[in-house]
Amino acid sequence: MAQRGPVERVESNDRRCPDVRLTDKGYAAINKTVPEHTEMVHALFVDVLGPERLAGFAQACADVLRALDEHRERDRSL
């Protein structure tokens, strides 16, 4: 991706993986796709689930995140 221009490598403290950041070209690409992506997510996810099931899904996600946090606090691992 760095060769195509949307990201650039930056100095990393971890040799196992490079750090990258978005370039102006990368930000432009994201901003260009956001409206279409948002519309698609709404049509294929939000509209399909509807308000009640979406609220239930949000609660289920919150429960999973809480369980993950509790696990990390106890075991310091994931």
N, C-alpha and C. Protein backbone atom coordinates (compact mmCIF):
# COMPACT_ATOMS: atom_id res chain seq x y z
N MET A 1 0.82 -1.19 0.00
CA MET A 1 0.00 0.00 0.00
C MET A 1 0.86 1.26 0.00
N ALA A 2 2.00 1.19 0.67
CA ALA A 2 2.87 2.37 0.70
C ALA A 2 3.32 2.74 -0.71
N GLN A 3 3.53 1.76 -1.56
CA GLN A 3 3.96 2.04 -2.93
C GLN A 3 2.86 2.71 -3.74
N ARG A 4 1.60 2.39 -3.44
CA ARG A 4 0.48 3.02 -4.15
C ARG A 4 0.17 4.41 -3.62
N GLY A 5 0.59 4.72 -2.39
CA GLY A 5 0.47 6.08 -1.90
C GLY A 5 -0.53 6.38 -0.81
N PRO A 6 -1.49 5.51 -0.45
CA PRO A 6 -2.45 5.90 0.58
C PRO A 6 -1.88 5.88 2.01
N VAL A 7 -0.79 5.15 2.20
CA VAL A 7 -0.14 5.13 3.51
C VAL A 7 1.36 5.31 3.33
N GLU A 8 2.01 5.68 4.43
CA GLU A 8 3.46 5.76 4.42
C GLU A 8 3.99 5.10 5.68
N ARG A 9 5.13 4.47 5.57
CA ARG A 9 5.75 3.86 6.74
C ARG A 9 6.36 4.96 7.60
N VAL A 10 6.28 4.76 8.90
CA VAL A 10 6.92 5.67 9.85
C VAL A 10 7.77 4.83 10.80
N GLU A 11 8.67 5.49 11.47
CA GLU A 11 9.57 4.78 12.38
C GLU A 11 8.77 4.02 13.43
N SER A 12 9.20 2.78 13.69
CA SER A 12 8.50 1.91 14.62
C SER A 12 9.42 1.49 15.75
N ASN A 13 8.86 1.34 16.92
CA ASN A 13 9.61 0.82 18.06
C ASN A 13 9.57 -0.70 18.12
N ASP A 14 8.78 -1.31 17.26
CA ASP A 14 8.59 -2.76 17.26
C ASP A 14 9.01 -3.30 15.90
N ARG A 15 10.06 -4.07 15.86
CA ARG A 15 10.57 -4.59 14.58
C ARG A 15 9.66 -5.65 13.97
N ARG A 16 8.74 -6.21 14.75
CA ARG A 16 7.88 -7.27 14.23
C ARG A 16 6.86 -6.77 13.21
N CYS A 17 6.51 -5.51 13.30
CA CYS A 17 5.52 -4.98 12.35
C CYS A 17 5.78 -3.49 12.14
N PRO A 18 5.60 -3.03 10.92
CA PRO A 18 5.85 -1.61 10.64
C PRO A 18 4.68 -0.74 11.12
N ASP A 19 4.98 0.48 11.45
CA ASP A 19 3.94 1.46 11.73
C ASP A 19 3.69 2.24 10.44
N VAL A 20 2.45 2.54 10.19
CA VAL A 20 2.09 3.30 8.99
C VAL A 20 1.12 4.40 9.39
N ARG A 21 1.00 5.40 8.54
CA ARG A 21 0.00 6.45 8.74
C ARG A 21 -0.58 6.81 7.38
N LEU A 22 -1.81 7.29 7.42
CA LEU A 22 -2.48 7.71 6.19
C LEU A 22 -1.82 8.96 5.64
N THR A 23 -1.71 9.00 4.33
CA THR A 23 -1.24 10.20 3.64
C THR A 23 -2.47 11.02 3.24
N ASP A 24 -2.23 12.18 2.65
CA ASP A 24 -3.36 12.96 2.14
C ASP A 24 -4.14 12.16 1.10
N LYS A 25 -3.43 11.38 0.29
CA LYS A 25 -4.09 10.54 -0.70
C LYS A 25 -4.96 9.49 -0.01
N GLY A 26 -4.48 8.94 1.09
CA GLY A 26 -5.26 7.96 1.85
C GLY A 26 -6.51 8.56 2.45
N TYR A 27 -6.37 9.74 3.05
CA TYR A 27 -7.54 10.42 3.61
C TYR A 27 -8.56 10.73 2.52
N ALA A 28 -8.09 11.16 1.37
CA ALA A 28 -9.00 11.48 0.26
C ALA A 28 -9.75 10.24 -0.19
N ALA A 29 -9.06 9.11 -0.26
CA ALA A 29 -9.71 7.86 -0.67
C ALA A 29 -10.79 7.45 0.33
N ILE A 30 -10.49 7.57 1.61
CA ILE A 30 -11.48 7.21 2.63
C ILE A 30 -12.68 8.15 2.55
N ASN A 31 -12.41 9.45 2.48
CA ASN A 31 -13.52 10.42 2.42
C ASN A 31 -14.39 10.22 1.19
N LYS A 32 -13.80 9.76 0.11
CA LYS A 32 -14.56 9.51 -1.11
C LYS A 32 -15.51 8.32 -0.95
N THR A 33 -15.09 7.30 -0.20
CA THR A 33 -15.89 6.07 -0.07
C THR A 33 -16.86 6.08 1.09
N VAL A 34 -16.69 6.99 2.04
CA VAL A 34 -17.53 6.98 3.24
C VAL A 34 -19.03 7.06 2.94
N PRO A 35 -19.50 7.98 2.12
CA PRO A 35 -20.96 8.05 1.88
C PRO A 35 -21.52 6.75 1.31
N GLU A 36 -20.85 6.17 0.32
CA GLU A 36 -21.34 4.93 -0.29
C GLU A 36 -21.30 3.79 0.73
N HIS A 37 -20.23 3.71 1.49
CA HIS A 37 -20.10 2.64 2.48
C HIS A 37 -21.17 2.78 3.56
N THR A 38 -21.40 3.99 4.02
CA THR A 38 -22.42 4.24 5.04
C THR A 38 -23.79 3.84 4.54
N GLU A 39 -24.09 4.19 3.32
CA GLU A 39 -25.37 3.84 2.72
C GLU A 39 -25.54 2.32 2.64
N MET A 40 -24.47 1.62 2.25
CA MET A 40 -24.54 0.17 2.13
C MET A 40 -24.73 -0.50 3.50
N VAL A 41 -23.98 -0.04 4.49
CA VAL A 41 -24.13 -0.60 5.84
C VAL A 41 -25.55 -0.39 6.35
N HIS A 42 -26.08 0.78 6.10
CA HIS A 42 -27.45 1.08 6.55
C HIS A 42 -28.43 0.14 5.85
N ALA A 43 -28.31 0.00 4.54
CA ALA A 43 -29.25 -0.83 3.78
C ALA A 43 -29.14 -2.31 4.12
N LEU A 44 -27.94 -2.82 4.32
CA LEU A 44 -27.74 -4.25 4.53
C LEU A 44 -27.73 -4.67 5.99
N PHE A 45 -27.66 -3.73 6.90
CA PHE A 45 -27.55 -4.08 8.31
C PHE A 45 -28.62 -3.38 9.15
N VAL A 46 -28.59 -2.07 9.18
CA VAL A 46 -29.50 -1.31 10.03
C VAL A 46 -30.95 -1.52 9.60
N ASP A 47 -31.22 -1.36 8.31
CA ASP A 47 -32.59 -1.52 7.82
C ASP A 47 -33.09 -2.95 7.98
N VAL A 48 -32.20 -3.92 7.83
CA VAL A 48 -32.60 -5.33 7.94
C VAL A 48 -32.95 -5.67 9.39
N LEU A 49 -32.15 -5.23 10.33
CA LEU A 49 -32.41 -5.56 11.73
C LEU A 49 -33.57 -4.78 12.33
N GLY A 50 -33.69 -3.53 11.97
CA GLY A 50 -34.73 -2.70 12.56
C GLY A 50 -34.34 -2.26 13.97
N PRO A 51 -35.08 -1.33 14.53
CA PRO A 51 -34.69 -0.71 15.80
C PRO A 51 -34.62 -1.69 16.99
N GLU A 52 -35.60 -2.58 17.12
CA GLU A 52 -35.62 -3.47 18.28
C GLU A 52 -34.46 -4.47 18.24
N ARG A 53 -34.28 -5.13 17.11
CA ARG A 53 -33.19 -6.11 17.03
C ARG A 53 -31.83 -5.42 17.06
N LEU A 54 -31.74 -4.23 16.50
CA LEU A 54 -30.49 -3.48 16.55
C LEU A 54 -30.14 -3.13 18.00
N ALA A 55 -31.13 -2.75 18.79
CA ALA A 55 -30.90 -2.47 20.22
C ALA A 55 -30.43 -3.73 20.94
N GLY A 56 -31.03 -4.87 20.63
CA GLY A 56 -30.60 -6.14 21.22
C GLY A 56 -29.19 -6.50 20.82
N PHE A 57 -28.86 -6.25 19.57
CA PHE A 57 -27.50 -6.52 19.08
C PHE A 57 -26.50 -5.61 19.80
N ALA A 58 -26.86 -4.36 19.98
CA ALA A 58 -25.98 -3.42 20.68
C ALA A 58 -25.75 -3.88 22.12
N GLN A 59 -26.80 -4.38 22.77
CA GLN A 59 -26.66 -4.87 24.14
C GLN A 59 -25.78 -6.12 24.17
N ALA A 60 -25.94 -7.01 23.20
CA ALA A 60 -25.11 -8.22 23.13
C ALA A 60 -23.64 -7.84 22.94
N CYS A 61 -23.36 -6.87 22.09
CA CYS A 61 -21.99 -6.42 21.87
C CYS A 61 -21.41 -5.82 23.15
N ALA A 62 -22.21 -5.05 23.86
CA ALA A 62 -21.75 -4.45 25.12
C ALA A 62 -21.44 -5.54 26.14
N ASP A 63 -22.25 -6.58 26.18
CA ASP A 63 -22.01 -7.70 27.11
C ASP A 63 -20.70 -8.41 26.78
N VAL A 64 -20.45 -8.63 25.50
CA VAL A 64 -19.21 -9.29 25.08
C VAL A 64 -18.00 -8.42 25.43
N LEU A 65 -18.09 -7.13 25.16
CA LEU A 65 -16.98 -6.23 25.49
C LEU A 65 -16.71 -6.19 26.99
N ARG A 66 -17.77 -6.20 27.78
CA ARG A 66 -17.60 -6.22 29.24
C ARG A 66 -16.91 -7.51 29.68
N ALA A 67 -17.31 -8.64 29.10
CA ALA A 67 -16.68 -9.92 29.44
C ALA A 67 -15.21 -9.92 29.03
N LEU A 68 -14.88 -9.36 27.89
CA LEU A 68 -13.48 -9.27 27.46
C LEU A 68 -12.67 -8.41 28.42
N ASP A 69 -13.23 -7.28 28.83
CA ASP A 69 -12.54 -6.42 29.79
C ASP A 69 -12.29 -7.14 31.11
N GLU A 70 -13.29 -7.86 31.60
CA GLU A 70 -13.14 -8.60 32.85
C GLU A 70 -12.06 -9.68 32.71
N HIS A 71 -12.05 -10.35 31.57
CA HIS A 71 -11.04 -11.39 31.33
C HIS A 71 -9.64 -10.78 31.33
N ARG A 72 -9.48 -9.66 30.65
CA ARG A 72 -8.17 -8.99 30.60
C ARG A 72 -7.72 -8.57 31.99
N GLU A 73 -8.65 -8.07 32.80
CA GLU A 73 -8.30 -7.64 34.15
C GLU A 73 -7.81 -8.82 34.99
N ARG A 74 -8.44 -9.98 34.83
CA ARG A 74 -8.06 -11.17 35.61
C ARG A 74 -6.81 -11.82 35.08
N ASP A 75 -6.75 -12.04 33.77
CA ASP A 75 -5.71 -12.87 33.18
C ASP A 75 -4.62 -12.10 32.44
N ARG A 76 -4.86 -10.82 32.18
CA ARG A 76 -3.89 -10.00 31.43
C ARG A 76 -3.54 -10.60 30.07
N SER A 77 -4.48 -11.32 29.50
CA SER A 77 -4.24 -11.92 28.19
C SER A 77 -5.53 -11.96 27.41
N LEU A 78 -5.38 -12.22 26.15
CA LEU A 78 -6.53 -12.44 25.28
C LEU A 78 -6.19 -13.48 24.28
